[in-house]
Amino acid sequence: MKVMFKIKGLDCANCANQLENQIQKIEGVENASISFFTEKMIVEYTDGQKEEMIAKVKKLIKKQEPDVSIEEI
């Protein structure tokens, strides 16, 4: 399954890359892709794990990049 987010507040492409790598380590996440230029993030996750995965992703983002916000689209 895939879910797409609008990701706002990233400072640079390197920050996006580091965040992407950290999100991919979350249990239930199969793949994550962040485009700094389009401000979009796609997360592929294990079927049936959507709410838990979103909560973990939001927690990680707040810890790593406190000024960044995400919104499902």
C-alpha atoms as a PDB file:
ATOM      1  CA  MET A   1       0.000   0.000   0.000  1.00  0.00           C
ATOM      2  CA  LYS A   2       1.079   3.585  -0.626  1.00  0.00           C
ATOM      3  CA  VAL A   3       0.195   6.900   0.944  1.00  0.00           C
ATOM      4  CA  MET A   4       1.217  10.352  -0.297  1.00  0.00           C
ATOM      5  CA  PHE A   5       1.905  13.391   1.871  1.00  0.00           C
ATOM      6  CA  LYS A   6       2.563  17.083   1.335  1.00  0.00           C
ATOM      7  CA  ILE A   7       5.706  17.811   3.351  1.00  0.00           C
ATOM      8  CA  LYS A   8       6.332  21.436   4.324  1.00  0.00           C
ATOM      9  CA  GLY A   9       9.249  23.173   5.994  1.00  0.00           C
ATOM     10  CA  LEU A  10      12.236  21.159   4.779  1.00  0.00           C
ATOM     11  CA  ASP A  11      15.341  23.337   4.566  1.00  0.00           C
ATOM     12  CA  CYS A  12      17.364  21.430   1.986  1.00  0.00           C
ATOM     13  CA  ALA A  13      17.561  18.359  -0.229  1.00  0.00           C
ATOM     14  CA  ASN A  14      20.123  16.790   2.100  1.00  0.00           C
ATOM     15  CA  CYS A  15      17.655  17.065   5.000  1.00  0.00           C
ATOM     16  CA  ALA A  16      15.048  15.334   2.833  1.00  0.00           C
ATOM     17  CA  ASN A  17      17.486  12.538   2.022  1.00  0.00           C
ATOM     18  CA  GLN A  18      18.417  11.984   5.671  1.00  0.00           C
ATOM     19  CA  LEU A  19      14.761  11.989   6.709  1.00  0.00           C
ATOM     20  CA  GLU A  20      13.908   9.545   3.926  1.00  0.00           C
ATOM     21  CA  ASN A  21      16.616   7.150   5.156  1.00  0.00           C
ATOM     22  CA  GLN A  22      15.329   7.328   8.747  1.00  0.00           C
ATOM     23  CA  ILE A  23      11.692   6.759   7.709  1.00  0.00           C
ATOM     24  CA  GLN A  24      12.694   3.634   5.768  1.00  0.00           C
ATOM     25  CA  LYS A  25      13.954   2.114   9.051  1.00  0.00           C
ATOM     26  CA  ILE A  26      10.520   2.345  10.708  1.00  0.00           C
ATOM     27  CA  GLU A  27       8.811  -0.997  11.256  1.00  0.00           C
ATOM     28  CA  GLY A  28       5.952  -1.402   8.782  1.00  0.00           C
ATOM     29  CA  VAL A  29       7.516   0.942   6.194  1.00  0.00           C
ATOM     30  CA  GLU A  30       8.634  -0.833   3.044  1.00  0.00           C
ATOM     31  CA  ASN A  31       9.916   2.241   1.190  1.00  0.00           C
ATOM     32  CA  ALA A  32       9.915   6.016   1.514  1.00  0.00           C
ATOM     33  CA  SER A  33      10.588   8.677  -1.095  1.00  0.00           C
ATOM     34  CA  ILE A  34      10.792  12.422  -0.438  1.00  0.00           C
ATOM     35  CA  SER A  35      11.019  15.028  -3.189  1.00  0.00           C
ATOM     36  CA  PHE A  36      12.425  18.255  -1.779  1.00  0.00           C
ATOM     37  CA  PHE A  37      11.466  20.241  -4.885  1.00  0.00           C
ATOM     38  CA  THR A  38       7.830  19.122  -5.148  1.00  0.00           C
ATOM     39  CA  GLU A  39       7.387  18.894  -1.347  1.00  0.00           C
ATOM     40  CA  LYS A  40       5.884  15.415  -1.645  1.00  0.00           C
ATOM     41  CA  MET A  41       6.574  12.241   0.281  1.00  0.00           C
ATOM     42  CA  ILE A  42       5.405   8.772  -0.714  1.00  0.00           C
ATOM     43  CA  VAL A  43       5.505   6.013   1.873  1.00  0.00           C
ATOM     44  CA  GLU A  44       4.917   2.359   0.989  1.00  0.00           C
ATOM     45  CA  TYR A  45       3.808   0.334   3.980  1.00  0.00           C
ATOM     46  CA  THR A  46       2.707  -3.111   5.073  1.00  0.00           C
ATOM     47  CA  ASP A  47      -0.986  -3.706   4.446  1.00  0.00           C
ATOM     48  CA  GLY A  48      -3.129  -2.933   7.488  1.00  0.00           C
ATOM     49  CA  GLN A  49      -0.500  -0.799   9.220  1.00  0.00           C
ATOM     50  CA  LYS A  50      -1.488   2.658   7.936  1.00  0.00           C
ATOM     51  CA  GLU A  51      -2.495   4.482  11.139  1.00  0.00           C
ATOM     52  CA  GLU A  52       0.378   3.024  13.173  1.00  0.00           C
ATOM     53  CA  MET A  53       2.876   3.813  10.400  1.00  0.00           C
ATOM     54  CA  ILE A  54       1.645   7.421  10.038  1.00  0.00           C
ATOM     55  CA  ALA A  55       1.957   7.968  13.796  1.00  0.00           C
ATOM     56  CA  LYS A  56       5.535   6.643  13.773  1.00  0.00           C
ATOM     57  CA  VAL A  57       6.476   8.757  10.745  1.00  0.00           C
ATOM     58  CA  LYS A  58       5.058  11.932  12.328  1.00  0.00           C
ATOM     59  CA  LYS A  59       6.895  11.232  15.599  1.00  0.00           C
ATOM     60  CA  LEU A  60      10.199  10.695  13.771  1.00  0.00           C
ATOM     61  CA  ILE A  61       9.775  13.853  11.697  1.00  0.00           C
ATOM     62  CA  LYS A  62       9.011  15.966  14.796  1.00  0.00           C
ATOM     63  CA  LYS A  63      12.138  14.586  16.473  1.00  0.00           C
ATOM     64  CA  GLN A  64      14.462  15.024  13.466  1.00  0.00           C
ATOM     65  CA  GLU A  65      12.990  18.180  11.887  1.00  0.00           C
ATOM     66  CA  PRO A  66      10.727  20.013  14.396  1.00  0.00           C
ATOM     67  CA  ASP A  67       9.685  22.698  11.873  1.00  0.00           C
ATOM     68  CA  VAL A  68       8.499  20.196   9.262  1.00  0.00           C
ATOM     69  CA  SER A  69       4.844  19.268   8.921  1.00  0.00           C
ATOM     70  CA  ILE A  70       3.144  16.605   6.822  1.00  0.00           C
ATOM     71  CA  GLU A  71      -0.399  16.324   5.539  1.00  0.00           C
ATOM     72  CA  GLU A  72      -1.884  13.341   3.757  1.00  0.00           C
ATOM     73  CA  ILE A  73      -3.054  14.078   0.202  1.00  0.00           C
END
